[in-house]
Amino acid sequence: MIVVDDIRKSFGEVEVLRGVSLRVERGEVVSIVGASGAGKSTLLQIMGTLMRPDSGEIEIDGLHPCRMNDRRLSAFRNGKIGFVFQFHHLLPEFDARENVMIPALIGGMSKRDADRRARELLETVGLAGRINHKPSALSGGEQQRVAIARALVNSPAVVLADEPSGNLDSATRDEINSLFLSLRERFDQTFVIVTHDETLAATADRKIVMSDGQII
């Protein structure tokens, strides 16, 4: 599903990624761990096409995003990649259903189909009774479930998660961790998860350890 080949990235004089290469198979859950500053989040942002590498190549679902212009890249990102962040980035003026619908509508899905898809996913993540609640009326764990449903709405090739349980209490964190694994089983979904949570990292199919901009 993902091939990363000799990715390098510097910010000024600081080389953050130093020749990173990895493969992620379809339906695999991969965790990336390491100390702060190891390059984990930079790698995830490059894999998510939010940042371009200085050199190297990325292939996602058989396509090469680094070779795309900005317009094509935006459409590729919306359709092929789902994102889950530590802070949920839900739009406060919209309810849970509407937040999940937005990427689908941007991608050209009809309002009727986007509504049906959003309702199905919110039910799948355990929020059937909360679909009309705005983020301010939802707990942190519920907001993260909405964010996960939003990440899945376009049936992406891969979901990239950056510290998805880092802002949650321990009980809610365990629920979110279990949710990732259940979604993989249900949708054969590929996940790449950057985390400091060793429990989450250990439940992945494979744990990748980074240090000083390299995989060790």
Protein backbone atom coordinates (compact mmCIF):
# COMPACT_ATOMS: atom_id res chain seq x y z
CA MET A 1 0.00 0.00 0.00
CA ILE A 2 2.83 2.40 0.85
CA VAL A 3 6.43 2.45 -0.32
CA VAL A 4 8.78 5.08 1.12
CA ASP A 5 12.18 5.13 -0.58
CA ASP A 6 15.18 7.04 0.80
CA ILE A 7 13.24 10.06 2.05
CA ARG A 8 15.34 13.01 3.24
CA LYS A 9 14.14 16.27 4.78
CA SER A 10 16.00 19.19 6.34
CA PHE A 11 14.90 22.39 7.99
CA GLY A 12 17.74 24.84 7.61
CA GLU A 13 20.88 23.14 8.82
CA VAL A 14 18.99 20.42 10.71
CA GLU A 15 18.54 17.13 8.84
CA VAL A 16 15.31 15.72 10.27
CA LEU A 17 14.99 12.64 8.03
CA ARG A 18 18.13 10.90 6.85
CA GLY A 19 17.30 8.36 4.18
CA VAL A 20 14.14 6.71 5.53
CA SER A 21 12.77 3.73 3.62
CA LEU A 22 9.84 1.47 4.57
CA ARG A 23 6.96 -0.56 3.17
CA VAL A 24 3.45 -0.87 4.58
CA GLU A 25 1.21 -3.67 3.31
CA ARG A 26 -2.50 -3.37 2.58
CA GLY A 27 -4.56 -3.93 5.73
CA GLU A 28 -1.53 -3.63 8.01
CA VAL A 29 -1.48 -1.62 11.24
CA VAL A 30 1.97 -0.12 11.73
CA SER A 31 3.07 1.96 14.71
CA ILE A 32 6.00 4.38 14.62
CA VAL A 33 7.67 5.16 17.94
CA GLY A 34 10.73 7.05 19.15
CA ALA A 35 11.82 9.98 21.27
CA SER A 36 10.63 13.51 20.55
CA GLY A 37 12.63 14.92 17.66
CA ALA A 38 13.25 11.51 16.08
CA GLY A 39 11.43 12.57 12.90
CA LYS A 40 8.21 10.58 13.37
CA SER A 41 5.72 13.37 12.73
CA THR A 42 7.75 14.77 9.83
CA LEU A 43 7.73 11.34 8.21
CA LEU A 44 3.98 11.05 8.75
CA GLN A 45 3.36 14.49 7.22
CA ILE A 46 5.43 13.57 4.17
CA MET A 47 3.58 10.26 3.84
CA GLY A 48 0.36 12.24 4.09
CA THR A 49 1.50 14.64 1.33
CA LEU A 50 1.19 17.60 3.71
CA MET A 51 4.90 18.25 3.18
CA ARG A 52 7.21 17.47 0.27
CA PRO A 53 10.53 15.70 0.90
CA ASP A 54 13.82 17.21 -0.22
CA SER A 55 14.60 13.96 -2.02
CA GLY A 56 13.36 10.41 -2.24
CA GLU A 57 10.11 8.90 -3.50
CA ILE A 58 6.74 7.87 -2.08
CA GLU A 59 4.22 5.50 -3.62
CA ILE A 60 0.72 5.17 -2.19
CA ASP A 61 -1.74 2.67 -3.65
CA GLY A 62 0.32 2.54 -6.84
CA LEU A 63 0.45 6.32 -7.34
CA HIS A 64 3.32 8.79 -6.89
CA PRO A 65 2.10 11.93 -5.08
CA CYS A 66 5.49 13.67 -5.19
CA ARG A 67 5.10 13.93 -8.97
CA MET A 68 1.66 15.62 -8.79
CA ASN A 69 0.92 19.32 -9.06
CA ASP A 70 -0.79 21.00 -6.12
CA ARG A 71 -4.33 20.72 -7.48
CA ARG A 72 -4.05 17.03 -8.29
CA LEU A 73 -2.29 16.42 -5.00
CA SER A 74 -5.15 17.99 -3.02
CA ALA A 75 -7.68 15.70 -4.70
CA PHE A 76 -5.41 12.70 -4.13
CA ARG A 77 -5.00 13.56 -0.44
CA ASN A 78 -8.74 13.96 0.13
CA GLY A 79 -9.58 10.69 -1.59
CA LYS A 80 -6.71 8.41 -0.64
CA ILE A 81 -5.58 9.51 2.83
CA GLY A 82 -7.48 9.86 6.09
CA PHE A 83 -6.00 11.82 8.98
CA VAL A 84 -6.48 11.54 12.74
CA PHE A 85 -4.60 13.98 14.98
CA GLN A 86 -4.10 14.32 18.72
CA PHE A 87 -6.36 17.36 18.72
CA HIS A 88 -9.49 16.55 16.82
CA HIS A 89 -9.74 19.60 14.53
CA LEU A 90 -13.51 19.29 14.30
CA LEU A 91 -15.37 22.34 13.01
CA PRO A 92 -17.26 23.69 16.04
CA GLU A 93 -20.23 25.08 14.13
CA PHE A 94 -21.13 21.69 12.63
CA ASP A 95 -22.53 18.62 14.36
CA ALA A 96 -20.86 15.20 14.28
CA ARG A 97 -22.67 14.06 11.14
CA GLU A 98 -21.80 17.22 9.25
CA ASN A 99 -18.14 17.07 10.31
CA VAL A 100 -17.91 13.54 8.91
CA MET A 101 -19.71 14.50 5.70
CA ILE A 102 -17.41 17.39 4.75
CA PRO A 103 -14.52 15.43 3.12
CA ALA A 104 -17.05 13.35 1.17
CA LEU A 105 -18.78 16.46 -0.15
CA ILE A 106 -15.43 17.99 -1.10
CA GLY A 107 -14.67 14.77 -2.97
CA GLY A 108 -17.84 15.08 -5.04
CA MET A 109 -20.12 12.63 -3.23
CA SER A 110 -23.80 13.57 -3.30
CA LYS A 111 -25.26 15.03 -0.12
CA ARG A 112 -27.59 12.05 0.22
CA ASP A 113 -24.79 9.50 -0.07
CA ALA A 114 -22.48 11.51 2.20
CA ASP A 115 -25.21 11.68 4.83
CA ARG A 116 -25.80 7.93 4.66
CA ARG A 117 -22.07 7.17 4.81
CA ALA A 118 -21.58 9.51 7.78
CA ARG A 119 -24.43 7.93 9.72
CA GLU A 120 -23.11 4.42 9.04
CA LEU A 121 -19.59 5.32 10.20
CA LEU A 122 -20.77 7.14 13.32
CA GLU A 123 -22.78 4.06 14.23
CA THR A 124 -19.71 1.90 13.58
CA VAL A 125 -17.57 3.96 15.97
CA GLY A 126 -20.24 3.85 18.67
CA LEU A 127 -21.86 7.27 18.25
CA ALA A 128 -25.26 6.39 16.81
CA GLY A 129 -26.96 8.42 19.52
CA ARG A 130 -24.69 11.47 19.22
CA ILE A 131 -24.76 12.27 15.51
CA ASN A 132 -26.55 15.61 15.95
CA HIS A 133 -24.30 16.86 18.76
CA LYS A 134 -21.77 19.60 18.12
CA PRO A 135 -18.17 19.09 19.31
CA SER A 136 -18.71 21.23 22.42
CA ALA A 137 -21.34 18.71 23.60
CA LEU A 138 -19.05 15.70 23.09
CA SER A 139 -16.37 14.28 25.36
CA GLY A 140 -12.76 14.10 24.20
CA GLY A 141 -13.11 10.42 23.36
CA GLU A 142 -16.34 11.05 21.45
CA GLN A 143 -14.70 13.85 19.48
CA GLN A 144 -11.86 11.52 18.56
CA ARG A 145 -14.38 8.92 17.37
CA VAL A 146 -15.94 11.56 15.12
CA ALA A 147 -12.46 12.36 13.79
CA ILE A 148 -11.86 8.67 13.05
CA ALA A 149 -15.20 8.39 11.24
CA ARG A 150 -14.31 11.51 9.24
CA ALA A 151 -10.96 9.95 8.29
CA LEU A 152 -12.78 6.88 6.93
CA VAL A 153 -15.59 8.59 5.04
CA ASN A 154 -13.89 8.50 1.61
CA SER A 155 -12.71 4.88 2.05
CA PRO A 156 -9.06 5.97 1.97
CA ALA A 157 -6.13 3.79 1.00
CA VAL A 158 -4.51 4.56 4.36
CA VAL A 159 -5.34 6.34 7.62
CA LEU A 160 -2.44 8.23 9.17
CA ALA A 161 -2.77 8.96 12.89
CA ASP A 162 -0.49 11.27 14.88
CA GLU A 163 -0.73 10.65 18.64
CA PRO A 164 -4.44 9.76 18.34
CA SER A 165 -4.79 8.80 22.02
CA GLY A 166 -2.30 11.30 23.43
CA ASN A 167 -4.90 13.71 24.77
CA LEU A 168 -7.20 11.13 26.39
CA ASP A 169 -7.53 9.56 29.82
CA SER A 170 -6.35 5.96 30.17
CA ALA A 171 -9.77 4.29 29.90
CA THR A 172 -10.76 6.29 26.83
CA ARG A 173 -7.31 5.73 25.32
CA ASP A 174 -7.80 1.96 25.59
CA GLU A 175 -11.19 2.24 23.88
CA ILE A 176 -9.72 4.22 20.98
CA ASN A 177 -6.83 1.78 20.64
CA SER A 178 -9.28 -1.13 20.42
CA LEU A 179 -11.35 0.80 17.89
CA PHE A 180 -8.43 1.04 15.46
CA LEU A 181 -7.98 -2.72 15.50
CA SER A 182 -11.69 -3.41 15.07
CA LEU A 183 -11.84 -1.03 12.10
CA ARG A 184 -8.94 -2.84 10.48
CA GLU A 185 -10.82 -6.11 10.83
CA ARG A 186 -14.05 -4.65 9.49
CA PHE A 187 -12.71 -2.61 6.56
CA ASP A 188 -9.29 -4.19 5.94
CA GLN A 189 -8.07 -0.65 6.58
CA THR A 190 -4.38 0.25 6.52
CA PHE A 191 -3.23 2.36 9.49
CA VAL A 192 0.08 4.08 10.20
CA ILE A 193 0.11 5.44 13.75
CA VAL A 194 2.73 7.68 15.35
CA THR A 195 2.47 7.28 19.10
CA HIS A 196 4.21 7.49 22.46
CA ASP A 197 1.61 5.07 23.82
CA GLU A 198 3.47 1.78 24.20
CA THR A 199 0.20 -0.13 24.66
CA LEU A 200 -1.08 1.09 21.31
CA ALA A 201 2.31 0.53 19.67
CA ALA A 202 2.46 -3.04 20.95
CA THR A 203 -0.97 -3.94 19.55
CA ALA A 204 0.05 -3.01 16.00
CA ASP A 205 1.12 -5.68 13.53
CA ARG A 206 4.55 -4.09 13.40
CA LYS A 207 6.37 -1.46 15.45
CA ILE A 208 8.92 0.79 13.74
CA VAL A 209 11.43 2.58 15.99
CA MET A 210 12.98 5.86 14.86
CA SER A 211 15.96 7.74 16.24
CA ASP A 212 17.76 10.81 14.88
CA GLY A 213 15.88 10.78 11.58
CA GLN A 214 16.40 7.11 10.79
CA ILE A 215 14.63 3.81 11.31
CA ILE A 216 16.62 1.69 13.73
